[in-house]
Amino acid sequence: MTRAKDLHKKWMKNPKYKDEYEKLAPEFKLAGIIVEARTKAGLTQAQLAKRMKTTQSVIARLEGGRVHPSTETLERFAKATGSRLKIGFEFAGA
């Protein structure tokens, strides 16, 4: 059976795939951070949804990187996971 990780490695050799993947890198990174914060808090998607007064499917979309959450949503997420939201900017070459 072919693993997604192996396919990704193979496809990254294609310049067009690599460019498109790199354009989405910030979304993938945010999704990973969201999953990590939830798991560190010891919560299931359903438990987190209840704390945020939303649905499990909303949490799944956040974790899948298919949505661009508002600052308000990220603040609610932070509160529900017992974490603190920190937003910053990095300048090119810094």
Foldseek 3Di string as FASTA:
>chain_A
DDDPVNVVVVCCVPVVSVVVVVVCVVLQVQLVVLVVLCVVLVHDLQQLCVQLVHHSVVSVCSNVSVDDDDVVSVCSSCVSSVHHDDDDDDDPPD
